[in-house]
Structures are given as C-alpha cells and as structure tokens.
Amino acid sequence: MGREIPIWFFIGVLLIVYGVLILGYGLYELTTGVTANVVLSNLHAPVWWGAIMLVLGLFYALRFRPGKEL
C-alpha cells in the first residue's frame, strides 16, 4: 500500500508560508515606520501573528512530517 501523508503536514506548511509572509510584512512596517492606518497599529499585530503562525506551522510540519512514525 502507498504511504499516506497526514493533512496536518500540509496545514503546517501552509501556516509556515503565511507566517513568513505576514512576519516579513510586519518587520518591514516596523523598520520603515510606514504603518497601516488602523487604531491599534502601535501593537504591531503582523509581527505577533506572523511569529505565532510560523511557530505553529513549524510544530505541525515537524510533528506530522512524512516518514515519521506517529
């Protein structure tokens, strides 16, 4: 039989991609000083959410990577 790849691995990869993109944008905002015109822009939400998504994506991708016994 063929080996199955868990859906959680692909979700982890997707979270990594989105986390890198959002974190990159947040760091760009932070370094250039050009921020979106939102009420709580001083909290730097893209930096926090990008980092959270990146860490969560790394967890899922490593935990459910293909070839690893569950």
N, C-alpha and C. Protein backbone atom coordinates (compact mmCIF):
# COMPACT_ATOMS: atom_id res chain seq x y z
N MET A 1 0.83 -1.19 0.00
CA MET A 1 0.00 0.00 0.00
C MET A 1 0.88 1.25 0.00
N GLY A 2 0.33 2.33 -0.53
CA GLY A 2 1.06 3.60 -0.56
C GLY A 2 1.06 4.25 0.82
N ARG A 3 2.06 5.04 1.03
CA ARG A 3 2.14 5.75 2.31
C ARG A 3 1.28 7.00 2.24
N GLU A 4 0.55 7.22 3.27
CA GLU A 4 -0.32 8.40 3.33
C GLU A 4 0.40 9.53 4.05
N ILE A 5 0.15 10.74 3.58
CA ILE A 5 0.72 11.93 4.22
C ILE A 5 -0.41 12.61 4.97
N PRO A 6 -0.23 12.86 6.26
CA PRO A 6 -1.31 13.49 7.03
C PRO A 6 -1.61 14.90 6.54
N ILE A 7 -2.87 15.27 6.60
CA ILE A 7 -3.30 16.60 6.20
C ILE A 7 -2.67 17.67 7.09
N TRP A 8 -2.33 17.31 8.32
CA TRP A 8 -1.75 18.28 9.26
C TRP A 8 -0.37 18.74 8.79
N PHE A 9 0.34 17.89 8.05
CA PHE A 9 1.63 18.30 7.49
C PHE A 9 1.44 19.46 6.51
N PHE A 10 0.44 19.33 5.63
CA PHE A 10 0.18 20.38 4.65
C PHE A 10 -0.34 21.65 5.32
N ILE A 11 -1.11 21.50 6.36
CA ILE A 11 -1.57 22.67 7.11
C ILE A 11 -0.38 23.37 7.76
N GLY A 12 0.56 22.60 8.28
CA GLY A 12 1.77 23.18 8.85
C GLY A 12 2.59 23.94 7.83
N VAL A 13 2.74 23.37 6.63
CA VAL A 13 3.48 24.05 5.58
C VAL A 13 2.78 25.34 5.18
N LEU A 14 1.46 25.30 5.08
CA LEU A 14 0.70 26.50 4.74
C LEU A 14 0.85 27.57 5.82
N LEU A 15 0.80 27.17 7.08
CA LEU A 15 1.00 28.13 8.17
C LEU A 15 2.40 28.72 8.15
N ILE A 16 3.39 27.92 7.78
CA ILE A 16 4.76 28.44 7.68
C ILE A 16 4.84 29.51 6.60
N VAL A 17 4.26 29.22 5.44
CA VAL A 17 4.30 30.18 4.33
C VAL A 17 3.60 31.48 4.73
N TYR A 18 2.39 31.37 5.25
CA TYR A 18 1.65 32.58 5.66
C TYR A 18 2.37 33.30 6.80
N GLY A 19 2.91 32.55 7.74
CA GLY A 19 3.63 33.17 8.85
C GLY A 19 4.84 33.96 8.39
N VAL A 20 5.60 33.40 7.44
CA VAL A 20 6.77 34.11 6.92
C VAL A 20 6.35 35.38 6.20
N LEU A 21 5.29 35.28 5.39
CA LEU A 21 4.83 36.47 4.65
C LEU A 21 4.33 37.56 5.59
N ILE A 22 3.51 37.20 6.56
CA ILE A 22 2.95 38.19 7.48
C ILE A 22 4.04 38.76 8.39
N LEU A 23 4.93 37.90 8.88
CA LEU A 23 6.03 38.37 9.72
C LEU A 23 6.95 39.28 8.93
N GLY A 24 7.22 38.94 7.69
CA GLY A 24 8.07 39.79 6.85
C GLY A 24 7.45 41.17 6.64
N TYR A 25 6.14 41.20 6.39
CA TYR A 25 5.46 42.48 6.24
C TYR A 25 5.49 43.26 7.55
N GLY A 26 5.28 42.58 8.67
CA GLY A 26 5.30 43.25 9.96
C GLY A 26 6.67 43.83 10.28
N LEU A 27 7.72 43.09 9.95
CA LEU A 27 9.07 43.60 10.19
C LEU A 27 9.38 44.77 9.25
N TYR A 28 8.85 44.70 8.03
CA TYR A 28 9.01 45.83 7.11
C TYR A 28 8.33 47.08 7.67
N GLU A 29 7.11 46.90 8.18
CA GLU A 29 6.41 48.02 8.80
C GLU A 29 7.20 48.57 9.98
N LEU A 30 7.74 47.68 10.78
CA LEU A 30 8.45 48.07 12.00
C LEU A 30 9.74 48.84 11.67
N THR A 31 10.47 48.40 10.65
CA THR A 31 11.75 49.04 10.34
C THR A 31 11.59 50.34 9.56
N THR A 32 10.58 50.42 8.69
CA THR A 32 10.43 51.63 7.88
C THR A 32 9.58 52.69 8.55
N GLY A 33 8.75 52.29 9.48
CA GLY A 33 7.87 53.25 10.14
C GLY A 33 6.60 53.53 9.38
N VAL A 34 6.43 52.90 8.24
CA VAL A 34 5.21 53.06 7.44
C VAL A 34 4.21 52.01 7.94
N THR A 35 3.19 52.46 8.63
CA THR A 35 2.22 51.53 9.20
C THR A 35 0.85 51.74 8.57
N ALA A 36 0.04 50.70 8.65
CA ALA A 36 -1.34 50.80 8.16
C ALA A 36 -2.11 51.76 9.06
N ASN A 37 -3.10 52.39 8.52
CA ASN A 37 -3.89 53.36 9.26
C ASN A 37 -4.99 52.62 10.04
N VAL A 38 -4.59 51.98 11.13
CA VAL A 38 -5.54 51.27 11.99
C VAL A 38 -5.40 51.81 13.41
N VAL A 39 -6.40 51.52 14.23
CA VAL A 39 -6.46 52.10 15.57
C VAL A 39 -5.30 51.64 16.45
N LEU A 40 -5.04 50.34 16.47
CA LEU A 40 -4.01 49.82 17.38
C LEU A 40 -2.73 49.45 16.64
N SER A 41 -2.28 50.31 15.74
CA SER A 41 -1.08 50.00 14.96
C SER A 41 0.17 49.94 15.82
N ASN A 42 0.13 50.55 16.99
CA ASN A 42 1.30 50.53 17.88
C ASN A 42 1.55 49.15 18.48
N LEU A 43 0.60 48.22 18.36
CA LEU A 43 0.80 46.87 18.90
C LEU A 43 1.55 45.96 17.93
N HIS A 44 1.70 46.37 16.67
CA HIS A 44 2.43 45.62 15.65
C HIS A 44 1.88 44.20 15.51
N ALA A 45 0.60 44.10 15.24
CA ALA A 45 -0.08 42.81 15.13
C ALA A 45 0.53 41.90 14.07
N PRO A 46 0.98 42.39 12.90
CA PRO A 46 1.55 41.46 11.92
C PRO A 46 2.80 40.74 12.44
N VAL A 47 3.57 41.41 13.27
CA VAL A 47 4.76 40.76 13.82
C VAL A 47 4.34 39.62 14.75
N TRP A 48 3.39 39.88 15.61
CA TRP A 48 2.95 38.86 16.57
C TRP A 48 2.26 37.70 15.86
N TRP A 49 1.30 38.00 14.97
CA TRP A 49 0.57 36.93 14.29
C TRP A 49 1.47 36.15 13.36
N GLY A 50 2.38 36.83 12.69
CA GLY A 50 3.31 36.12 11.82
C GLY A 50 4.19 35.16 12.60
N ALA A 51 4.68 35.61 13.76
CA ALA A 51 5.52 34.74 14.59
C ALA A 51 4.72 33.56 15.14
N ILE A 52 3.49 33.81 15.57
CA ILE A 52 2.65 32.73 16.10
C ILE A 52 2.35 31.70 15.01
N MET A 53 1.99 32.18 13.81
CA MET A 53 1.69 31.27 12.72
C MET A 53 2.93 30.48 12.30
N LEU A 54 4.09 31.11 12.31
CA LEU A 54 5.32 30.43 11.95
C LEU A 54 5.66 29.33 12.95
N VAL A 55 5.55 29.62 14.22
CA VAL A 55 5.85 28.62 15.25
C VAL A 55 4.85 27.46 15.19
N LEU A 56 3.58 27.78 15.05
CA LEU A 56 2.56 26.74 14.96
C LEU A 56 2.76 25.88 13.70
N GLY A 57 3.09 26.53 12.60
CA GLY A 57 3.36 25.79 11.36
C GLY A 57 4.56 24.88 11.48
N LEU A 58 5.62 25.36 12.12
CA LEU A 58 6.79 24.51 12.35
C LEU A 58 6.46 23.32 13.22
N PHE A 59 5.63 23.53 14.23
CA PHE A 59 5.22 22.43 15.09
C PHE A 59 4.48 21.35 14.29
N TYR A 60 3.48 21.78 13.52
CA TYR A 60 2.70 20.81 12.74
C TYR A 60 3.54 20.12 11.67
N ALA A 61 4.38 20.88 10.97
CA ALA A 61 5.18 20.30 9.89
C ALA A 61 6.19 19.30 10.43
N LEU A 62 6.77 19.59 11.59
CA LEU A 62 7.74 18.65 12.16
C LEU A 62 7.07 17.47 12.85
N ARG A 63 5.96 17.71 13.49
CA ARG A 63 5.24 16.65 14.20
C ARG A 63 4.64 15.62 13.25
N PHE A 64 4.12 16.08 12.12
CA PHE A 64 3.43 15.19 11.18
C PHE A 64 4.19 15.04 9.86
N ARG A 65 5.50 15.20 9.87
CA ARG A 65 6.26 15.10 8.62
C ARG A 65 6.18 13.67 8.06
N PRO A 66 6.23 13.54 6.75
CA PRO A 66 6.16 12.21 6.14
C PRO A 66 7.37 11.36 6.53
N GLY A 67 7.13 10.12 6.73
CA GLY A 67 8.20 9.19 7.11
C GLY A 67 8.42 9.06 8.59
N LYS A 68 7.76 9.89 9.38
CA LYS A 68 7.91 9.82 10.84
C LYS A 68 6.76 8.98 11.38
N GLU A 69 7.11 8.05 12.24
CA GLU A 69 6.08 7.22 12.87
C GLU A 69 5.31 8.06 13.88
N LEU A 70 4.00 7.95 13.86
CA LEU A 70 3.17 8.73 14.79
C LEU A 70 3.15 8.13 16.14
